[in-house]
Amino acid sequence: MADYKAKGELMRSTAYSFCKAFTTGSPPSETLDNYFTSNPKILEHGPKWANLRLPFLAIKFQGRRSQGSSTATSRRTCDDYYDRLTSTLAFHPDEKTMPPKEEFMVDAERGTVTVKLHGKFASVKTGKDWEEDFVYVLSEFDEEGKIGSQELWADPLSAWVAVGED
């Protein structure tokens, strides 16, 4: 039982630090380097049809872009997820974005951390903005506490409307 307690605290600490880095604007490549395993996975859930305007949605991104490779040669890495996300949406966190560390829900036995966040987003293309709650489920933590998988649930319809016509 003590092993689960230590594992859970390590997972919570990593998850909190990752969310803090994300909400304070750390570069995505640095965030991936510091908080994720060498072969991470990211999936933002949503309808596949919305991928036309939201090219980061409903695609399983895996791994990291190799040193010296370009986006053109590696289109489905976790680096590409963040490239697509940040070229489509701007994130404007505030004091309500992250809950306190103790509110990060940890299931050490299953190896997951779930957290609800809040933020203001805007379309890079149109400038239209909206506020929403979104959820991260972080899992597949390694022995060092690094994250192996990130799943996200957000409000793709608001993003779809804000991005506008193609």
N, C-alpha and C. Protein backbone atom coordinates (compact mmCIF):
# COMPACT_ATOMS: atom_id res chain seq x y z
N MET A 1 0.81 -1.19 0.00
CA MET A 1 0.00 0.00 0.00
C MET A 1 0.86 1.26 0.00
N ALA A 2 1.95 1.24 0.72
CA ALA A 2 2.85 2.40 0.78
C ALA A 2 3.43 2.70 -0.60
N ASP A 3 3.65 1.64 -1.40
CA ASP A 3 4.17 1.85 -2.74
C ASP A 3 3.18 2.67 -3.58
N TYR A 4 1.87 2.37 -3.44
CA TYR A 4 0.87 3.12 -4.18
C TYR A 4 0.82 4.58 -3.72
N LYS A 5 1.02 4.80 -2.43
CA LYS A 5 1.00 6.17 -1.92
C LYS A 5 2.15 6.98 -2.51
N ALA A 6 3.36 6.42 -2.50
CA ALA A 6 4.53 7.11 -3.06
C ALA A 6 4.36 7.32 -4.56
N LYS A 7 3.88 6.29 -5.26
CA LYS A 7 3.66 6.39 -6.71
C LYS A 7 2.62 7.47 -7.00
N GLY A 8 1.55 7.49 -6.22
CA GLY A 8 0.49 8.49 -6.42
C GLY A 8 0.99 9.91 -6.20
N GLU A 9 1.81 10.11 -5.20
CA GLU A 9 2.35 11.45 -4.95
C GLU A 9 3.29 11.89 -6.06
N LEU A 10 4.08 10.95 -6.59
CA LEU A 10 4.97 11.27 -7.71
C LEU A 10 4.15 11.63 -8.95
N MET A 11 3.11 10.86 -9.22
CA MET A 11 2.23 11.15 -10.36
C MET A 11 1.55 12.51 -10.20
N ARG A 12 1.03 12.79 -9.00
CA ARG A 12 0.36 14.08 -8.74
C ARG A 12 1.35 15.23 -8.94
N SER A 13 2.55 15.07 -8.42
CA SER A 13 3.56 16.12 -8.53
C SER A 13 3.93 16.39 -9.99
N THR A 14 4.12 15.32 -10.75
CA THR A 14 4.44 15.49 -12.18
C THR A 14 3.28 16.16 -12.91
N ALA A 15 2.07 15.68 -12.66
CA ALA A 15 0.89 16.23 -13.34
C ALA A 15 0.73 17.71 -13.01
N TYR A 16 0.91 18.06 -11.75
CA TYR A 16 0.78 19.46 -11.34
C TYR A 16 1.86 20.32 -12.01
N SER A 17 3.09 19.83 -12.00
CA SER A 17 4.19 20.59 -12.62
C SER A 17 3.98 20.75 -14.12
N PHE A 18 3.49 19.70 -14.78
CA PHE A 18 3.20 19.77 -16.22
C PHE A 18 2.12 20.83 -16.47
N CYS A 19 1.03 20.77 -15.73
CA CYS A 19 -0.05 21.74 -15.93
C CYS A 19 0.42 23.16 -15.65
N LYS A 20 1.23 23.33 -14.62
CA LYS A 20 1.78 24.65 -14.30
C LYS A 20 2.64 25.17 -15.46
N ALA A 21 3.49 24.29 -16.01
CA ALA A 21 4.34 24.69 -17.14
C ALA A 21 3.47 25.07 -18.35
N PHE A 22 2.43 24.28 -18.61
CA PHE A 22 1.54 24.57 -19.74
C PHE A 22 0.84 25.91 -19.54
N THR A 23 0.34 26.15 -18.35
CA THR A 23 -0.43 27.38 -18.11
C THR A 23 0.44 28.63 -17.99
N THR A 24 1.73 28.46 -17.77
CA THR A 24 2.60 29.64 -17.70
C THR A 24 3.34 29.89 -19.01
N GLY A 25 2.99 29.13 -20.05
CA GLY A 25 3.53 29.40 -21.37
C GLY A 25 4.88 28.80 -21.69
N SER A 26 5.28 27.76 -20.98
CA SER A 26 6.55 27.09 -21.33
C SER A 26 6.45 26.56 -22.75
N PRO A 27 7.53 26.64 -23.52
CA PRO A 27 7.49 26.12 -24.88
C PRO A 27 7.11 24.63 -24.89
N PRO A 28 6.25 24.22 -25.82
CA PRO A 28 5.81 22.83 -25.86
C PRO A 28 6.96 21.81 -25.91
N SER A 29 8.00 22.09 -26.67
CA SER A 29 9.11 21.13 -26.76
C SER A 29 9.78 20.95 -25.39
N GLU A 30 9.90 22.03 -24.65
CA GLU A 30 10.48 21.97 -23.31
C GLU A 30 9.56 21.20 -22.35
N THR A 31 8.27 21.44 -22.47
CA THR A 31 7.30 20.74 -21.64
C THR A 31 7.33 19.24 -21.93
N LEU A 32 7.36 18.89 -23.21
CA LEU A 32 7.45 17.47 -23.58
C LEU A 32 8.75 16.86 -23.05
N ASP A 33 9.85 17.57 -23.19
CA ASP A 33 11.15 17.07 -22.70
C ASP A 33 11.13 16.83 -21.19
N ASN A 34 10.56 17.75 -20.46
CA ASN A 34 10.63 17.71 -18.99
C ASN A 34 9.62 16.79 -18.32
N TYR A 35 8.44 16.61 -18.92
CA TYR A 35 7.37 15.92 -18.20
C TYR A 35 6.86 14.65 -18.87
N PHE A 36 7.33 14.35 -20.06
CA PHE A 36 6.82 13.19 -20.79
C PHE A 36 7.92 12.16 -21.05
N THR A 37 7.50 10.92 -21.22
CA THR A 37 8.44 9.85 -21.57
C THR A 37 8.98 10.11 -22.97
N SER A 38 9.92 9.30 -23.40
CA SER A 38 10.52 9.49 -24.73
C SER A 38 9.59 9.10 -25.87
N ASN A 39 8.54 8.35 -25.60
CA ASN A 39 7.60 7.95 -26.64
C ASN A 39 6.16 8.18 -26.18
N PRO A 40 5.80 9.44 -25.94
CA PRO A 40 4.48 9.74 -25.39
C PRO A 40 3.38 9.66 -26.44
N LYS A 41 2.14 9.69 -25.95
CA LYS A 41 0.95 9.71 -26.80
C LYS A 41 0.06 10.85 -26.35
N ILE A 42 -0.57 11.52 -27.31
CA ILE A 42 -1.54 12.57 -27.01
C ILE A 42 -2.75 12.35 -27.91
N LEU A 43 -3.93 12.41 -27.31
CA LEU A 43 -5.18 12.32 -28.06
C LEU A 43 -6.15 13.33 -27.48
N GLU A 44 -6.60 14.28 -28.30
CA GLU A 44 -7.66 15.19 -27.90
C GLU A 44 -8.93 14.68 -28.55
N HIS A 45 -9.86 14.25 -27.70
CA HIS A 45 -11.09 13.64 -28.18
C HIS A 45 -12.01 14.66 -28.83
N GLY A 46 -12.74 14.21 -29.83
CA GLY A 46 -13.70 15.05 -30.52
C GLY A 46 -14.09 14.38 -31.82
N PRO A 47 -15.07 14.95 -32.51
CA PRO A 47 -15.52 14.33 -33.76
C PRO A 47 -14.47 14.47 -34.87
N LYS A 48 -14.29 13.39 -35.59
CA LYS A 48 -13.29 13.35 -36.67
C LYS A 48 -13.57 14.45 -37.72
N TRP A 49 -14.84 14.71 -38.00
CA TRP A 49 -15.17 15.71 -39.02
C TRP A 49 -14.67 17.10 -38.65
N ALA A 50 -14.52 17.37 -37.37
CA ALA A 50 -14.05 18.69 -36.93
C ALA A 50 -12.57 18.91 -37.23
N ASN A 51 -11.88 17.83 -37.58
CA ASN A 51 -10.45 17.91 -37.90
C ASN A 51 -10.18 18.83 -39.09
N LEU A 52 -11.18 19.12 -39.90
CA LEU A 52 -11.01 20.03 -41.04
C LEU A 52 -10.57 21.42 -40.58
N ARG A 53 -11.15 21.90 -39.49
CA ARG A 53 -10.78 23.21 -38.93
C ARG A 53 -9.86 23.10 -37.72
N LEU A 54 -9.94 21.97 -37.04
CA LEU A 54 -9.18 21.76 -35.80
C LEU A 54 -8.24 20.57 -36.03
N PRO A 55 -7.10 20.80 -36.70
CA PRO A 55 -6.25 19.71 -37.17
C PRO A 55 -5.52 18.92 -36.09
N PHE A 56 -5.76 19.25 -34.83
CA PHE A 56 -5.16 18.53 -33.70
C PHE A 56 -6.17 17.58 -33.06
N LEU A 57 -7.41 17.61 -33.53
CA LEU A 57 -8.51 16.90 -32.90
C LEU A 57 -8.70 15.51 -33.49
N ALA A 58 -8.97 14.52 -32.63
CA ALA A 58 -9.35 13.16 -33.05
C ALA A 58 -8.24 12.43 -33.80
N ILE A 59 -7.01 12.78 -33.51
CA ILE A 59 -5.85 12.11 -34.11
C ILE A 59 -4.95 11.67 -32.96
N LYS A 60 -4.48 10.43 -33.02
CA LYS A 60 -3.54 9.95 -32.01
C LYS A 60 -2.14 10.36 -32.44
N PHE A 61 -1.54 11.23 -31.65
CA PHE A 61 -0.16 11.67 -31.88
C PHE A 61 0.74 10.82 -30.99
N GLN A 62 1.86 10.39 -31.53
CA GLN A 62 2.75 9.53 -30.75
C GLN A 62 4.20 9.82 -31.08
N GLY A 63 5.04 9.74 -30.02
CA GLY A 63 6.47 9.92 -30.18
C GLY A 63 6.86 11.39 -30.23
N ARG A 64 8.11 11.60 -30.51
CA ARG A 64 8.67 12.95 -30.58
C ARG A 64 9.31 13.14 -31.94
N ARG A 65 9.36 14.37 -32.38
CA ARG A 65 10.02 14.71 -33.62
C ARG A 65 11.52 14.51 -33.42
N SER A 66 12.15 13.85 -34.37
CA SER A 66 13.60 13.62 -34.30
C SER A 66 14.35 14.92 -34.48
N GLN A 67 15.53 14.97 -33.88
CA GLN A 67 16.40 16.14 -34.07
C GLN A 67 16.64 16.36 -35.55
N GLY A 68 16.44 17.55 -36.02
CA GLY A 68 16.73 17.89 -37.41
C GLY A 68 15.63 17.54 -38.40
N SER A 69 14.56 16.84 -37.95
CA SER A 69 13.49 16.54 -38.90
C SER A 69 12.53 17.72 -38.95
N SER A 70 11.83 17.82 -40.05
CA SER A 70 10.89 18.94 -40.20
C SER A 70 9.47 18.43 -39.98
N THR A 71 8.57 19.36 -39.85
CA THR A 71 7.16 19.01 -39.70
C THR A 71 6.68 18.22 -40.91
N ALA A 72 7.21 18.51 -42.08
CA ALA A 72 6.78 17.83 -43.29
C ALA A 72 7.08 16.34 -43.27
N THR A 73 8.09 15.92 -42.55
CA THR A 73 8.45 14.50 -42.54
C THR A 73 7.90 13.75 -41.34
N SER A 74 7.36 14.44 -40.36
CA SER A 74 6.84 13.77 -39.16
C SER A 74 5.57 14.47 -38.71
N ARG A 75 4.46 14.08 -39.25
CA ARG A 75 3.21 14.82 -39.06
C ARG A 75 2.34 14.37 -37.89
N ARG A 76 2.71 13.31 -37.19
CA ARG A 76 1.84 12.83 -36.12
C ARG A 76 2.60 12.58 -34.83
N THR A 77 3.59 13.40 -34.54
CA THR A 77 4.29 13.30 -33.26
C THR A 77 3.60 14.23 -32.26
N CYS A 78 3.95 14.08 -31.01
CA CYS A 78 3.39 14.97 -29.98
C CYS A 78 3.81 16.41 -30.22
N ASP A 79 4.99 16.60 -30.79
CA ASP A 79 5.42 17.96 -31.15
C ASP A 79 4.45 18.54 -32.18
N ASP A 80 4.02 17.69 -33.12
CA ASP A 80 3.08 18.15 -34.15
C ASP A 80 1.72 18.50 -33.55
N TYR A 81 1.30 17.76 -32.53
CA TYR A 81 0.05 18.11 -31.85
C TYR A 81 0.13 19.56 -31.37
N TYR A 82 1.19 19.89 -30.66
CA TYR A 82 1.32 21.25 -30.13
C TYR A 82 1.50 22.28 -31.24
N ASP A 83 2.19 21.92 -32.32
CA ASP A 83 2.30 22.84 -33.46
C ASP A 83 0.93 23.15 -34.04
N ARG A 84 0.13 22.11 -34.23
CA ARG A 84 -1.21 22.30 -34.80
C ARG A 84 -2.12 23.06 -33.84
N LEU A 85 -2.05 22.72 -32.57
CA LEU A 85 -2.87 23.39 -31.57
C LEU A 85 -2.55 24.88 -31.51
N THR A 86 -1.27 25.22 -31.38
CA THR A 86 -0.88 26.63 -31.19
C THR A 86 -1.00 27.45 -32.48
N SER A 87 -1.02 26.79 -33.64
CA SER A 87 -1.24 27.55 -34.88
C SER A 87 -2.72 27.79 -35.13
N THR A 88 -3.58 27.11 -34.37
CA THR A 88 -5.03 27.23 -34.54
C THR A 88 -5.67 28.02 -33.40
N LEU A 89 -5.24 27.74 -32.16
CA LEU A 89 -5.86 28.36 -30.99
C LEU A 89 -4.82 29.02 -30.10
N ALA A 90 -5.20 30.13 -29.50
CA ALA A 90 -4.38 30.79 -28.48
C ALA A 90 -5.01 30.49 -27.13
N PHE A 91 -4.19 30.28 -26.14
CA PHE A 91 -4.65 29.95 -24.79
C PHE A 91 -4.34 31.11 -23.87
N HIS A 92 -5.34 31.56 -23.11
CA HIS A 92 -5.19 32.69 -22.19
C HIS A 92 -5.57 32.24 -20.78
N PRO A 93 -4.61 31.66 -20.06
CA PRO A 93 -4.91 31.20 -18.70
C PRO A 93 -5.10 32.38 -17.74
N ASP A 94 -5.76 32.08 -16.63
CA ASP A 94 -5.91 33.08 -15.58
C ASP A 94 -5.79 32.37 -14.23
N GLU A 95 -6.11 33.09 -13.16
CA GLU A 95 -5.94 32.51 -11.82
C GLU A 95 -6.88 31.33 -11.56
N LYS A 96 -7.94 31.16 -12.38
CA LYS A 96 -8.88 30.05 -12.21
C LYS A 96 -8.50 28.84 -13.06
N THR A 97 -7.44 28.92 -13.84
CA THR A 97 -7.14 27.85 -14.79
C THR A 97 -6.85 26.52 -14.12
N MET A 98 -6.02 26.53 -13.10
CA MET A 98 -5.61 25.29 -12.44
C MET A 98 -6.19 25.18 -11.05
N PRO A 99 -6.65 23.98 -10.70
CA PRO A 99 -7.08 23.78 -9.31
C PRO A 99 -5.86 23.60 -8.41
N PRO A 100 -6.03 23.64 -7.11
CA PRO A 100 -4.91 23.35 -6.20
C PRO A 100 -4.42 21.91 -6.43
N LYS A 101 -3.17 21.69 -6.11
CA LYS A 101 -2.53 20.39 -6.32
C LYS A 101 -3.32 19.24 -5.71
N GLU A 102 -3.87 19.45 -4.52
CA GLU A 102 -4.61 18.38 -3.84
C GLU A 102 -5.91 18.00 -4.55
N GLU A 103 -6.38 18.81 -5.50
CA GLU A 103 -7.59 18.50 -6.25
C GLU A 103 -7.31 17.69 -7.52
N PHE A 104 -6.04 17.40 -7.80
CA PHE A 104 -5.70 16.52 -8.91
C PHE A 104 -6.08 15.11 -8.46
N MET A 105 -6.98 14.44 -9.18
CA MET A 105 -7.48 13.14 -8.76
C MET A 105 -6.52 12.05 -9.23
N VAL A 106 -6.00 11.29 -8.28
CA VAL A 106 -4.98 10.28 -8.56
C VAL A 106 -5.54 8.89 -8.28
N ASP A 107 -5.36 7.99 -9.23
CA ASP A 107 -5.62 6.56 -9.02
C ASP A 107 -4.28 5.87 -9.27
N ALA A 108 -3.51 5.71 -8.20
CA ALA A 108 -2.16 5.14 -8.34
C ALA A 108 -2.20 3.69 -8.80
N GLU A 109 -3.23 2.96 -8.41
CA GLU A 109 -3.33 1.57 -8.81
C GLU A 109 -3.53 1.44 -10.31
N ARG A 110 -4.34 2.31 -10.89
CA ARG A 110 -4.56 2.30 -12.34
C ARG A 110 -3.53 3.16 -13.08
N GLY A 111 -2.82 3.98 -12.34
CA GLY A 111 -1.79 4.81 -12.94
C GLY A 111 -2.32 6.00 -13.70
N THR A 112 -3.37 6.65 -13.16
CA THR A 112 -3.94 7.81 -13.84
C THR A 112 -4.06 9.01 -12.91
N VAL A 113 -3.97 10.19 -13.53
CA VAL A 113 -4.27 11.45 -12.85
C VAL A 113 -5.28 12.18 -13.73
N THR A 114 -6.35 12.62 -13.12
CA THR A 114 -7.40 13.35 -13.84
C THR A 114 -7.51 14.73 -13.22
N VAL A 115 -7.60 15.73 -14.09
CA VAL A 115 -7.71 17.10 -13.59
C VAL A 115 -8.60 17.91 -14.52
N LYS A 116 -9.47 18.73 -13.91
CA LYS A 116 -10.31 19.66 -14.67
C LYS A 116 -9.67 21.03 -14.60
N LEU A 117 -9.48 21.64 -15.76
CA LEU A 117 -8.90 22.97 -15.84
C LEU A 117 -9.91 23.92 -16.48
N HIS A 118 -9.60 25.18 -16.46
CA HIS A 118 -10.48 26.20 -17.03
C HIS A 118 -9.62 27.21 -17.78
N GLY A 119 -10.10 27.67 -18.91
CA GLY A 119 -9.31 28.66 -19.61
C GLY A 119 -10.10 29.40 -20.67
N LYS A 120 -9.50 30.46 -21.13
CA LYS A 120 -10.04 31.23 -22.23
C LYS A 120 -9.19 30.90 -23.45
N PHE A 121 -9.85 30.60 -24.55
CA PHE A 121 -9.19 30.28 -25.80
C PHE A 121 -9.65 31.26 -26.86
N ALA A 122 -8.85 31.43 -27.90
CA ALA A 122 -9.22 32.28 -29.02
C ALA A 122 -8.70 31.66 -30.30
N SER A 123 -9.45 31.85 -31.36
CA SER A 123 -9.00 31.41 -32.68
C SER A 123 -7.86 32.32 -33.13
N VAL A 124 -6.77 31.75 -33.57
CA VAL A 124 -5.66 32.53 -34.11
C VAL A 124 -6.12 33.25 -35.37
N LYS A 125 -6.95 32.60 -36.17
CA LYS A 125 -7.41 33.13 -37.46
C LYS A 125 -8.42 34.27 -37.32
N THR A 126 -9.42 34.11 -36.45
CA THR A 126 -10.51 35.09 -36.38
C THR A 126 -10.46 35.99 -35.15
N GLY A 127 -9.76 35.55 -34.11
CA GLY A 127 -9.74 36.30 -32.86
C GLY A 127 -10.93 36.03 -31.96
N LYS A 128 -11.94 35.28 -32.45
CA LYS A 128 -13.10 34.96 -31.62
C LYS A 128 -12.64 34.12 -30.43
N ASP A 129 -13.20 34.44 -29.25
CA ASP A 129 -12.76 33.73 -28.06
C ASP A 129 -13.94 33.15 -27.29
N TRP A 130 -13.64 32.27 -26.35
CA TRP A 130 -14.62 31.64 -25.49
C TRP A 130 -13.90 31.10 -24.27
N GLU A 131 -14.68 30.83 -23.22
CA GLU A 131 -14.14 30.19 -22.02
C GLU A 131 -14.73 28.80 -21.91
N GLU A 132 -13.94 27.89 -21.35
CA GLU A 132 -14.43 26.53 -21.18
C GLU A 132 -13.66 25.80 -20.09
N ASP A 133 -14.28 24.74 -19.60
CA ASP A 133 -13.60 23.79 -18.75
C ASP A 133 -13.10 22.67 -19.66
N PHE A 134 -11.97 22.11 -19.34
CA PHE A 134 -11.45 20.97 -20.10
C PHE A 134 -10.78 20.01 -19.14
N VAL A 135 -10.67 18.77 -19.55
CA VAL A 135 -10.18 17.71 -18.69
C VAL A 135 -8.98 17.03 -19.30
N TYR A 136 -7.97 16.81 -18.47
CA TYR A 136 -6.81 16.00 -18.83
C TYR A 136 -6.89 14.68 -18.06
N VAL A 137 -6.62 13.59 -18.75
CA VAL A 137 -6.37 12.31 -18.09
C VAL A 137 -4.95 11.93 -18.49
N LEU A 138 -4.08 11.90 -17.51
CA LEU A 138 -2.67 11.60 -17.71
C LEU A 138 -2.43 10.18 -17.20
N SER A 139 -1.69 9.38 -17.97
CA SER A 139 -1.48 7.98 -17.58
C SER A 139 -0.18 7.44 -18.16
N GLU A 140 0.03 6.16 -17.93
CA GLU A 140 1.22 5.46 -18.40
C GLU A 140 2.50 6.11 -17.89
N PHE A 141 2.49 6.47 -16.62
CA PHE A 141 3.65 7.08 -15.98
C PHE A 141 4.79 6.06 -15.89
N ASP A 142 6.01 6.51 -16.12
CA ASP A 142 7.16 5.61 -15.97
C ASP A 142 7.66 5.65 -14.52
N GLU A 143 8.75 4.94 -14.24
CA GLU A 143 9.30 4.86 -12.88
C GLU A 143 9.75 6.21 -12.35
N GLU A 144 10.14 7.11 -13.25
CA GLU A 144 10.59 8.45 -12.85
C GLU A 144 9.42 9.42 -12.68
N GLY A 145 8.21 8.94 -12.98
CA GLY A 145 7.04 9.80 -12.86
C GLY A 145 6.71 10.58 -14.11
N LYS A 146 7.38 10.29 -15.22
CA LYS A 146 7.08 11.01 -16.46
C LYS A 146 5.81 10.44 -17.10
N ILE A 147 5.09 11.31 -17.77
CA ILE A 147 3.79 11.00 -18.36
C ILE A 147 3.99 10.27 -19.69
N GLY A 148 3.25 9.17 -19.88
CA GLY A 148 3.33 8.41 -21.12
C GLY A 148 2.17 8.70 -22.05
N SER A 149 1.04 9.13 -21.49
CA SER A 149 -0.15 9.36 -22.30
C SER A 149 -0.94 10.54 -21.74
N GLN A 150 -1.42 11.38 -22.64
CA GLN A 150 -2.28 12.51 -22.28
C GLN A 150 -3.52 12.44 -23.15
N GLU A 151 -4.67 12.36 -22.52
CA GLU A 151 -5.94 12.45 -23.24
C GLU A 151 -6.64 13.72 -22.78
N LEU A 152 -7.33 14.37 -23.70
CA LEU A 152 -8.00 15.64 -23.40
C LEU A 152 -9.43 15.59 -23.88
N TRP A 153 -10.30 16.17 -23.06
CA TRP A 153 -11.69 16.38 -23.44
C TRP A 153 -11.95 17.86 -23.26
N ALA A 154 -12.43 18.50 -24.32
CA ALA A 154 -12.68 19.94 -24.28
C ALA A 154 -13.99 20.22 -25.02
N ASP A 155 -14.16 21.43 -25.50
CA ASP A 155 -15.37 21.85 -26.19
C ASP A 155 -15.05 22.13 -27.66
N PRO A 156 -15.01 21.08 -28.48
CA PRO A 156 -14.63 21.30 -29.88
C PRO A 156 -15.64 22.13 -30.67
N LEU A 157 -16.91 22.12 -30.27
CA LEU A 157 -17.90 22.92 -31.00
C LEU A 157 -17.62 24.41 -30.87
N SER A 158 -17.27 24.86 -29.67
CA SER A 158 -16.93 26.28 -29.51
C SER A 158 -15.68 26.63 -30.32
N ALA A 159 -14.70 25.75 -30.32
CA ALA A 159 -13.49 25.98 -31.12
C ALA A 159 -13.83 26.00 -32.61
N TRP A 160 -14.66 25.08 -33.05
CA TRP A 160 -15.08 24.99 -34.46
C TRP A 160 -15.73 26.31 -34.90
N VAL A 161 -16.65 26.80 -34.09
CA VAL A 161 -17.36 28.05 -34.42
C VAL A 161 -16.37 29.22 -34.42
N ALA A 162 -15.48 29.29 -33.43
CA ALA A 162 -14.54 30.40 -33.34
C ALA A 162 -13.57 30.44 -34.51
N VAL A 163 -13.12 29.27 -34.95
CA VAL A 163 -12.16 29.23 -36.07
C VAL A 163 -12.83 29.68 -37.36
N GLY A 164 -14.13 29.40 -37.52
CA GLY A 164 -14.91 29.92 -38.64
C GLY A 164 -14.78 29.12 -39.92
N GLU A 165 -15.22 29.73 -40.99
CA GLU A 165 -15.25 29.09 -42.31
C GLU A 165 -13.86 28.74 -42.81
N ASP A 166 -13.79 27.68 -43.58
CA ASP A 166 -12.52 27.29 -44.23
C ASP A 166 -12.29 28.07 -45.50
